[in-house]
Amino acid sequence: MAEKAAANALRARIESGGVALGVLDNTYSPTLVEFYGELGVDFVWLDLEHGGPSSLDSGAMENLLRAAERTGIEPLVRLPTTDPEFVRKALDLGVRNVFLPRVESAAEVREAVRSARFTYGDGPGDRGLASPRARRWGLADDYVASEDRETLVGVTIETAESLSDLDAILDVPELGFVFIGPFDLSVALGHPGEIDHPDVQEAVERVRSAAVEAGVPVGGLGFGMDDVNEKAENGYQLINLGSTTGALKGVVDGWFDAATFDREA
């Protein structure tokens, strides 16, 4: 029996002008991915650049995707590279929201975005047509059109080169969003870890304002709810609230701080 693909709730949220809130699950646990869906989080960020399974490890990725599908949360998967091979593999496994690390040029971005589509502009895309998991092994109805409609590809702006080519990057057709990476920008600008340095803040604001003006959705990191609220007011549409390990640390530290007895006794 043919199956109709569900709408991509994350893409729908940002295209309608809404704000999507997510959490980085840096434990790469299917259980926690599923649980975040139960909690009503809009997306779960799976960062394959800095950790986790290989994006080419089909078994590990499928378990994470099944967990997300169970509770309807959208995975936002950052790939380890902009190589079109990795983009196509992730999409064939069933990922619908990918973003690319450390991009440097509009040409690189265009190649990656084109590799995620069957049609691109007035010409052909560069995505392979087969019957993988994304197609429900051949059972999905209207696969080509639904994949092109529902897939979302974004990039992380976090290098000096991407800042230099920012306007051209924002002009790439079908670019879904830009995600601002302040930590890598701090390294690129010669101030490692100093995300409040004026040079870093200026670069962040340059990306934000240019993207808003170009009509490209902006994503970023939230540093506490006051910052999240301010970002939402200033045009950010994808905001990461924190991480699994960060949340656990906060809770456990709170438990320890509330202890009124001598733990060393």
Protein backbone atom coordinates (compact mmCIF):
# COMPACT_ATOMS: atom_id res chain seq x y z
CA MET A 1 0.00 0.00 0.00
CA ALA A 2 1.38 3.42 -0.95
CA GLU A 3 2.22 5.78 1.90
CA LYS A 4 1.93 9.56 1.83
CA ALA A 5 4.87 11.37 3.44
CA ALA A 6 4.08 13.41 6.53
CA ALA A 7 4.71 17.14 6.35
CA ASN A 8 8.00 18.41 7.75
CA ALA A 9 6.79 20.26 10.84
CA LEU A 10 10.09 22.10 11.29
CA ARG A 11 10.09 23.45 7.75
CA ALA A 12 6.42 24.38 8.05
CA ARG A 13 7.04 26.22 11.33
CA ILE A 14 9.80 28.46 10.04
CA GLU A 15 8.20 29.05 6.63
CA SER A 16 5.08 30.31 8.39
CA GLY A 17 7.19 32.80 10.35
CA GLY A 18 7.19 30.85 13.63
CA VAL A 19 10.01 30.04 16.02
CA ALA A 20 11.21 26.46 16.49
CA LEU A 21 12.89 25.46 19.76
CA GLY A 22 15.22 22.49 20.01
CA VAL A 23 17.69 20.63 22.18
CA LEU A 24 21.09 19.20 21.31
CA ASP A 25 21.12 15.54 22.32
CA ASN A 26 24.84 14.99 22.72
CA THR A 27 24.32 11.49 24.13
CA TYR A 28 22.93 10.27 20.77
CA SER A 29 20.35 8.20 22.64
CA PRO A 30 17.23 6.98 20.81
CA THR A 31 15.42 6.96 24.16
CA LEU A 32 16.15 10.62 24.77
CA VAL A 33 15.33 11.57 21.18
CA GLU A 34 11.95 9.92 21.68
CA PHE A 35 11.50 11.56 25.08
CA TYR A 36 12.18 15.06 23.75
CA GLY A 37 9.32 14.46 21.34
CA GLU A 38 7.05 13.56 24.25
CA LEU A 39 8.09 16.82 25.93
CA GLY A 40 6.95 18.82 22.90
CA VAL A 41 10.34 20.05 21.70
CA ASP A 42 10.21 21.10 18.02
CA PHE A 43 13.51 19.58 16.94
CA VAL A 44 16.34 17.51 18.33
CA TRP A 45 19.80 18.50 17.13
CA LEU A 46 22.04 15.55 16.31
CA ASP A 47 25.53 16.93 15.78
CA LEU A 48 27.55 14.47 13.72
CA GLU A 49 30.36 16.98 13.22
CA HIS A 50 31.60 16.92 16.80
CA GLY A 51 30.47 13.49 17.97
CA GLY A 52 28.01 10.67 17.62
CA PRO A 53 27.89 7.88 15.07
CA SER A 54 29.14 8.22 11.55
CA SER A 55 26.44 9.65 9.31
CA LEU A 56 27.23 6.69 7.04
CA ASP A 57 26.35 4.21 9.83
CA SER A 58 22.89 3.26 8.62
CA GLY A 59 21.96 1.15 11.64
CA ALA A 60 22.78 3.79 14.24
CA MET A 61 21.12 6.56 12.26
CA GLU A 62 17.97 4.52 11.60
CA ASN A 63 17.51 3.88 15.34
CA LEU A 64 17.70 7.62 16.05
CA LEU A 65 15.27 8.38 13.23
CA ARG A 66 12.78 5.71 14.35
CA ALA A 67 12.79 7.20 17.85
CA ALA A 68 12.06 10.64 16.43
CA GLU A 69 9.30 9.32 14.19
CA ARG A 70 7.68 7.62 17.20
CA THR A 71 6.88 10.96 18.86
CA GLY A 72 6.85 13.24 15.82
CA ILE A 73 9.92 15.31 16.66
CA GLU A 74 12.05 16.51 13.74
CA PRO A 75 15.76 15.63 13.85
CA LEU A 76 18.06 18.44 12.76
CA VAL A 77 21.21 16.66 11.65
CA ARG A 78 24.48 18.52 11.27
CA LEU A 79 26.68 16.53 8.94
CA PRO A 80 30.46 16.21 9.38
CA THR A 81 31.15 17.65 5.93
CA THR A 82 29.48 19.45 3.04
CA ASP A 83 30.34 16.58 0.69
CA PRO A 84 27.22 15.81 -1.41
CA GLU A 85 27.80 12.08 -0.75
CA PHE A 86 27.01 12.67 2.93
CA VAL A 87 23.98 14.83 2.13
CA ARG A 88 22.47 12.22 -0.17
CA LYS A 89 23.16 9.38 2.28
CA ALA A 90 21.49 11.19 5.20
CA LEU A 91 18.41 12.03 3.14
CA ASP A 92 18.08 8.48 1.82
CA LEU A 93 18.12 7.22 5.41
CA GLY A 94 15.12 9.45 6.16
CA VAL A 95 16.67 12.66 7.48
CA ARG A 96 14.72 15.67 6.22
CA ASN A 97 16.55 18.51 7.96
CA VAL A 98 20.30 18.77 7.45
CA PHE A 99 22.74 21.55 8.06
CA LEU A 100 26.27 21.80 6.91
CA PRO A 101 29.35 22.76 8.92
CA ARG A 102 32.13 25.20 8.12
CA VAL A 103 30.97 26.26 4.68
CA GLU A 104 33.25 28.65 2.84
CA SER A 105 31.61 29.69 -0.41
CA ALA A 106 28.32 30.05 -2.21
CA ALA A 107 29.53 27.56 -4.83
CA GLU A 108 30.06 24.94 -2.12
CA VAL A 109 26.63 25.63 -0.64
CA ARG A 110 24.93 25.50 -4.02
CA GLU A 111 26.50 22.12 -4.79
CA ALA A 112 25.34 20.69 -1.46
CA VAL A 113 21.80 22.07 -1.76
CA ARG A 114 21.50 20.79 -5.32
CA SER A 115 22.58 17.32 -4.13
CA ALA A 116 19.52 17.32 -1.83
CA ARG A 117 17.03 17.86 -4.65
CA PHE A 118 15.67 15.94 -7.61
CA THR A 119 14.91 19.20 -9.40
CA TYR A 120 16.76 22.45 -8.82
CA GLY A 121 15.48 25.69 -10.25
CA ASP A 122 14.68 25.12 -13.90
CA GLY A 123 17.04 22.17 -14.20
CA PRO A 124 17.85 18.80 -12.70
CA GLY A 125 18.99 18.29 -9.14
CA ASP A 126 21.78 15.98 -8.09
CA ARG A 127 20.00 13.60 -5.72
CA GLY A 128 20.03 9.92 -6.60
CA LEU A 129 16.68 8.27 -7.23
CA ALA A 130 16.33 4.84 -5.64
CA SER A 131 14.07 3.06 -3.15
CA PRO A 132 15.80 3.64 0.23
CA ARG A 133 14.26 4.03 3.67
CA ALA A 134 13.19 7.60 2.87
CA ARG A 135 11.00 6.15 0.12
CA ARG A 136 9.68 3.44 2.45
CA TRP A 137 11.57 1.00 0.24
CA GLY A 138 9.45 1.91 -2.77
CA LEU A 139 6.09 2.22 -1.00
CA ALA A 140 6.02 6.02 -0.58
CA ASP A 141 3.53 7.88 -2.71
CA ASP A 142 4.68 10.91 -4.72
CA TYR A 143 8.22 10.49 -3.42
CA VAL A 144 10.08 12.87 -5.73
CA ALA A 145 7.72 15.80 -5.25
CA SER A 146 7.28 15.28 -1.51
CA GLU A 147 11.03 15.03 -0.86
CA ASP A 148 11.75 18.21 -2.76
CA ARG A 149 8.91 19.92 -0.92
CA GLU A 150 9.74 18.75 2.60
CA THR A 151 13.56 18.62 2.70
CA LEU A 152 15.32 21.48 4.47
CA VAL A 153 19.03 22.22 3.98
CA GLY A 154 20.82 24.89 5.98
CA VAL A 155 24.40 25.96 6.61
CA THR A 156 26.45 27.05 9.56
CA ILE A 157 28.13 30.43 9.16
CA GLU A 158 31.24 30.08 11.28
CA THR A 159 34.30 30.73 9.10
CA ALA A 160 36.00 33.88 7.86
CA GLU A 161 35.44 32.68 4.29
CA SER A 162 31.69 32.32 4.77
CA LEU A 163 31.55 35.85 6.19
CA SER A 164 33.34 37.15 3.11
CA ASP A 165 30.90 35.37 0.78
CA LEU A 166 27.83 35.88 2.96
CA ASP A 167 25.63 37.78 0.50
CA ALA A 168 26.21 35.20 -2.23
CA ILE A 169 25.52 32.34 0.19
CA LEU A 170 22.23 33.93 1.23
CA ASP A 171 21.32 34.16 -2.45
CA VAL A 172 21.67 30.39 -3.08
CA PRO A 173 18.31 29.03 -4.30
CA GLU A 174 16.49 26.69 -1.89
CA LEU A 175 18.79 27.51 1.04
CA GLY A 176 16.60 26.67 4.03
CA PHE A 177 18.35 28.61 6.80
CA VAL A 178 21.65 29.89 8.15
CA PHE A 179 22.77 28.87 11.61
CA ILE A 180 25.22 31.23 13.31
CA GLY A 181 28.15 29.49 15.03
CA PRO A 182 29.66 31.98 17.51
CA PHE A 183 32.28 29.64 18.93
CA ASP A 184 33.94 28.79 15.63
CA LEU A 185 33.57 32.42 14.57
CA SER A 186 35.52 33.39 17.69
CA VAL A 187 38.32 31.08 16.56
CA ALA A 188 38.20 32.34 12.97
CA LEU A 189 38.40 35.95 14.14
CA GLY A 190 41.34 35.33 16.47
CA HIS A 191 39.48 35.34 19.79
CA PRO A 192 38.99 31.65 20.68
CA GLY A 193 36.13 31.15 23.12
CA GLU A 194 35.47 34.88 23.51
CA ILE A 195 31.99 34.91 22.03
CA ASP A 196 31.26 38.27 23.70
CA HIS A 197 34.27 39.91 22.03
CA PRO A 198 33.15 42.94 19.97
CA ASP A 199 34.57 41.45 16.76
CA VAL A 200 32.58 38.25 17.27
CA GLN A 201 29.41 40.07 18.25
CA GLU A 202 29.75 42.31 15.20
CA ALA A 203 30.09 39.26 12.94
CA VAL A 204 27.07 37.57 14.55
CA GLU A 205 24.96 40.67 14.06
CA ARG A 206 26.14 41.04 10.48
CA VAL A 207 24.97 37.52 9.67
CA ARG A 208 21.67 37.94 11.51
CA SER A 209 20.75 41.24 9.91
CA ALA A 210 21.81 40.18 6.40
CA ALA A 211 19.82 36.96 6.63
CA VAL A 212 16.71 38.70 7.92
CA GLU A 213 16.97 41.27 5.12
CA ALA A 214 17.43 38.48 2.55
CA GLY A 215 14.43 36.55 3.91
CA VAL A 216 16.52 33.54 4.93
CA PRO A 217 15.58 32.03 8.32
CA VAL A 218 18.22 32.40 11.04
CA GLY A 219 19.20 29.82 13.64
CA GLY A 220 21.43 30.08 16.68
CA LEU A 221 22.32 29.03 20.20
CA GLY A 222 20.32 30.20 23.19
CA PHE A 223 22.22 31.10 26.35
CA GLY A 224 19.41 31.06 28.90
CA MET A 225 15.79 31.97 28.36
CA ASP A 226 16.33 35.72 28.48
CA ASP A 227 18.69 35.33 25.53
CA VAL A 228 16.26 32.96 23.77
CA ASN A 229 13.44 35.47 24.14
CA GLU A 230 15.64 38.29 22.84
CA LYS A 231 16.75 36.22 19.85
CA ALA A 232 13.16 35.34 19.00
CA GLU A 233 12.28 39.04 19.08
CA ASN A 234 15.22 39.79 16.78
CA GLY A 235 14.31 37.41 13.99
CA TYR A 236 15.82 34.07 15.00
CA GLN A 237 13.54 31.21 13.98
CA LEU A 238 15.54 28.14 15.04
CA ILE A 239 16.92 28.37 18.55
CA ASN A 240 18.75 25.65 20.44
CA LEU A 241 17.84 25.78 24.14
CA GLY A 242 20.73 23.70 25.42
CA SER A 243 22.05 20.15 25.55
CA THR A 244 21.20 16.92 27.29
CA THR A 245 24.42 16.95 29.31
CA GLY A 246 24.02 20.64 30.13
CA ALA A 247 20.49 20.07 31.40
CA LEU A 248 21.60 17.11 33.51
CA LYS A 249 24.50 19.10 34.95
CA GLY A 250 22.15 21.89 35.95
CA VAL A 251 19.75 19.51 37.70
CA VAL A 252 22.46 17.50 39.49
CA ASP A 253 24.29 20.67 40.58
CA GLY A 254 20.98 21.93 41.96
CA TRP A 255 20.50 18.73 43.95
CA PHE A 256 24.00 18.96 45.39
CA ASP A 257 23.60 22.66 46.22
CA ALA A 258 20.36 21.91 48.10
CA ALA A 259 21.94 19.23 50.30
CA THR A 260 22.10 20.35 53.93
CA PHE A 261 24.32 17.52 55.17
CA ASP A 262 28.04 16.86 54.90
CA ARG A 263 28.48 14.53 51.93
CA GLU A 264 32.11 13.82 52.91
CA ALA A 265 31.27 12.57 56.40
